[in-house]
Amino acid sequence: MGNDVAEVALGQARNGGKFLIDTDGPDGKPTVFEVAYSLGLLVAESGRGDEAAALLARAAAGMPQNARVAYNAGLALSQAGRVVEAERMLRNAVELDPSSYDLLFALGDFLMRQGRLAEVGPIADRMTAIDPARHEAAQLRSVRRPR
């Protein structure tokens, strides 16, 4: 049955002809963590946030060197209200891929929503250094602390 579940998840993980997960398991089959990642993304799309957060956190624990998995886990955990875990995942994603504008934006946006505006500036500066033509860094900088 395990292989059947993996094959179903693998089939459902297709997005425009491209796999959302790698197949690093034995014989090209996905690992349990890859299946958890794939299913977590699908469950998140269906609006079941707590379940998605649990699946994606499990995937991130099993694939600790994958920035995209940590990023998606962080987003799901944030949506589920698990802010401490969400921040840890988003920071881990940035550590794994420090030149990713999108990962930096996700962390900056998360911190902004938490009211931690003093921490957002340096992140916006890093974003501008990576891609000065994009506007999201300016958006983060424009948020001011309420008086």
Protein backbone atom coordinates (compact mmCIF):
# COMPACT_ATOMS: atom_id res chain seq x y z
CA MET A 1 0.00 0.00 0.00
CA GLY A 2 2.86 2.41 0.75
CA ASN A 3 3.90 2.45 -2.90
CA ASP A 4 0.29 3.00 -3.99
CA VAL A 5 0.02 6.07 -1.77
CA ALA A 6 3.34 7.33 -3.06
CA GLU A 7 2.27 6.84 -6.67
CA VAL A 8 -1.04 8.64 -6.10
CA ALA A 9 0.74 11.53 -4.39
CA LEU A 10 3.31 11.65 -7.14
CA GLY A 11 0.60 11.75 -9.78
CA GLN A 12 -1.28 14.49 -7.94
CA ALA A 13 1.88 16.52 -7.45
CA ARG A 14 2.13 17.34 -11.14
CA ASN A 15 1.75 20.99 -11.88
CA GLY A 16 1.74 21.96 -15.54
CA GLY A 17 3.74 18.87 -16.47
CA LYS A 18 6.41 19.55 -13.85
CA PHE A 19 6.78 17.70 -10.56
CA LEU A 20 6.49 19.78 -7.43
CA ILE A 21 8.60 17.22 -5.59
CA ASP A 22 11.85 15.46 -6.34
CA THR A 23 12.06 11.71 -6.42
CA ASP A 24 15.16 11.03 -4.39
CA GLY A 25 13.99 7.82 -2.78
CA PRO A 26 15.23 4.36 -3.69
CA ASP A 27 14.49 3.34 -7.26
CA GLY A 28 13.28 6.84 -8.13
CA LYS A 29 10.30 6.58 -5.77
CA PRO A 30 9.53 9.50 -3.47
CA THR A 31 10.52 9.40 0.17
CA VAL A 32 7.91 9.73 2.90
CA PHE A 33 9.00 13.36 3.35
CA GLU A 34 8.55 14.11 -0.34
CA VAL A 35 5.09 12.61 -0.16
CA ALA A 36 4.34 14.71 2.94
CA TYR A 37 5.49 17.81 1.03
CA SER A 38 3.38 17.04 -1.99
CA LEU A 39 0.31 16.23 0.07
CA GLY A 40 0.88 19.28 2.27
CA LEU A 41 0.76 21.54 -0.79
CA LEU A 42 -2.41 19.86 -2.02
CA VAL A 43 -4.07 20.06 1.40
CA ALA A 44 -3.09 23.74 1.67
CA GLU A 45 -4.79 24.44 -1.66
CA SER A 46 -7.96 22.84 -0.31
CA GLY A 47 -8.00 25.26 2.63
CA ARG A 48 -7.16 22.78 5.39
CA GLY A 49 -4.45 24.90 7.00
CA ASP A 50 -3.75 22.95 10.19
CA GLU A 51 -3.35 19.70 8.28
CA ALA A 52 -1.17 21.39 5.67
CA ALA A 53 1.04 22.90 8.38
CA ALA A 54 1.54 19.50 10.00
CA LEU A 55 2.40 17.79 6.70
CA LEU A 56 4.73 20.55 5.54
CA ALA A 57 6.48 20.75 8.93
CA ARG A 58 7.06 16.99 8.72
CA ALA A 59 8.45 17.38 5.21
CA ALA A 60 10.77 20.18 6.34
CA ALA A 61 12.04 18.07 9.23
CA GLY A 62 12.91 15.30 6.80
CA MET A 63 14.42 17.56 4.14
CA PRO A 64 16.28 20.16 6.23
CA GLN A 65 18.46 21.36 3.34
CA ASN A 66 15.56 22.26 1.05
CA ALA A 67 14.82 26.00 1.18
CA ARG A 68 11.57 25.73 -0.80
CA VAL A 69 10.18 23.12 1.59
CA ALA A 70 11.11 25.27 4.60
CA TYR A 71 9.50 28.28 2.92
CA ASN A 72 6.22 26.49 2.24
CA ALA A 73 6.20 25.03 5.75
CA GLY A 74 6.76 28.52 7.16
CA LEU A 75 3.86 29.96 5.20
CA ALA A 76 1.53 27.14 6.26
CA LEU A 77 2.59 27.37 9.90
CA SER A 78 2.01 31.12 9.84
CA GLN A 79 -1.47 30.68 8.40
CA ALA A 80 -2.18 28.10 11.11
CA GLY A 81 -1.18 30.62 13.79
CA ARG A 82 2.00 28.78 14.78
CA VAL A 83 4.15 31.90 14.56
CA VAL A 84 7.25 30.72 16.45
CA GLU A 85 7.60 27.67 14.22
CA ALA A 86 6.74 29.73 11.14
CA GLU A 87 9.50 32.23 11.84
CA ARG A 88 12.01 29.46 12.42
CA MET A 89 11.11 27.87 9.08
CA LEU A 90 11.20 31.14 7.15
CA ARG A 91 14.57 32.08 8.67
CA ASN A 92 15.88 28.61 7.83
CA ALA A 93 14.72 29.02 4.22
CA VAL A 94 16.63 32.32 3.97
CA GLU A 95 19.74 30.76 5.53
CA LEU A 96 19.61 27.95 2.98
CA ASP A 97 19.15 30.33 0.04
CA PRO A 98 20.25 33.80 1.13
CA SER A 99 20.12 35.24 -2.38
CA SER A 100 16.44 34.42 -2.94
CA TYR A 101 14.45 37.62 -3.22
CA ASP A 102 11.17 35.75 -2.72
CA LEU A 103 12.32 34.01 0.46
CA LEU A 104 13.57 37.29 1.89
CA PHE A 105 10.26 38.94 1.03
CA ALA A 106 8.33 36.15 2.76
CA LEU A 107 10.39 36.64 5.92
CA GLY A 108 10.10 40.43 5.76
CA ASP A 109 6.36 40.26 5.19
CA PHE A 110 5.98 37.81 8.10
CA LEU A 111 7.95 40.10 10.44
CA MET A 112 5.97 43.13 9.27
CA ARG A 113 2.70 41.35 10.04
CA GLN A 114 4.05 40.54 13.50
CA GLY A 115 4.70 44.25 14.08
CA ARG A 116 8.47 43.76 14.16
CA LEU A 117 9.19 46.65 11.83
CA ALA A 118 12.75 47.32 13.03
CA GLU A 119 13.75 43.92 11.64
CA VAL A 120 12.21 44.55 8.24
CA GLY A 121 14.60 47.31 7.06
CA PRO A 122 17.73 45.16 6.83
CA ILE A 123 15.76 42.50 4.97
CA ALA A 124 14.46 45.10 2.51
CA ASP A 125 18.05 46.31 2.03
CA ARG A 126 19.15 42.78 1.14
CA MET A 127 16.25 42.47 -1.29
CA THR A 128 17.21 45.73 -3.02
CA ALA A 129 20.81 44.57 -3.33
CA ILE A 130 19.61 41.39 -5.04
CA ASP A 131 17.18 43.04 -7.47
CA PRO A 132 16.88 46.84 -7.40
CA ALA A 133 14.20 46.84 -10.12
CA ARG A 134 11.62 44.97 -8.05
CA HIS A 135 9.22 46.96 -5.89
CA GLU A 136 8.46 44.66 -2.94
CA ALA A 137 11.40 45.95 -0.87
CA ALA A 138 10.02 49.48 -1.15
CA GLN A 139 6.62 48.18 -0.04
CA LEU A 140 8.17 46.69 3.09
CA ARG A 141 10.05 49.91 3.82
CA SER A 142 6.91 52.02 3.43
CA VAL A 143 5.17 50.42 6.40
CA ARG A 144 5.49 52.66 9.42
CA ARG A 145 4.96 51.97 13.06
CA PRO A 146 1.60 53.37 14.23
CA ARG A 147 1.93 56.47 16.41
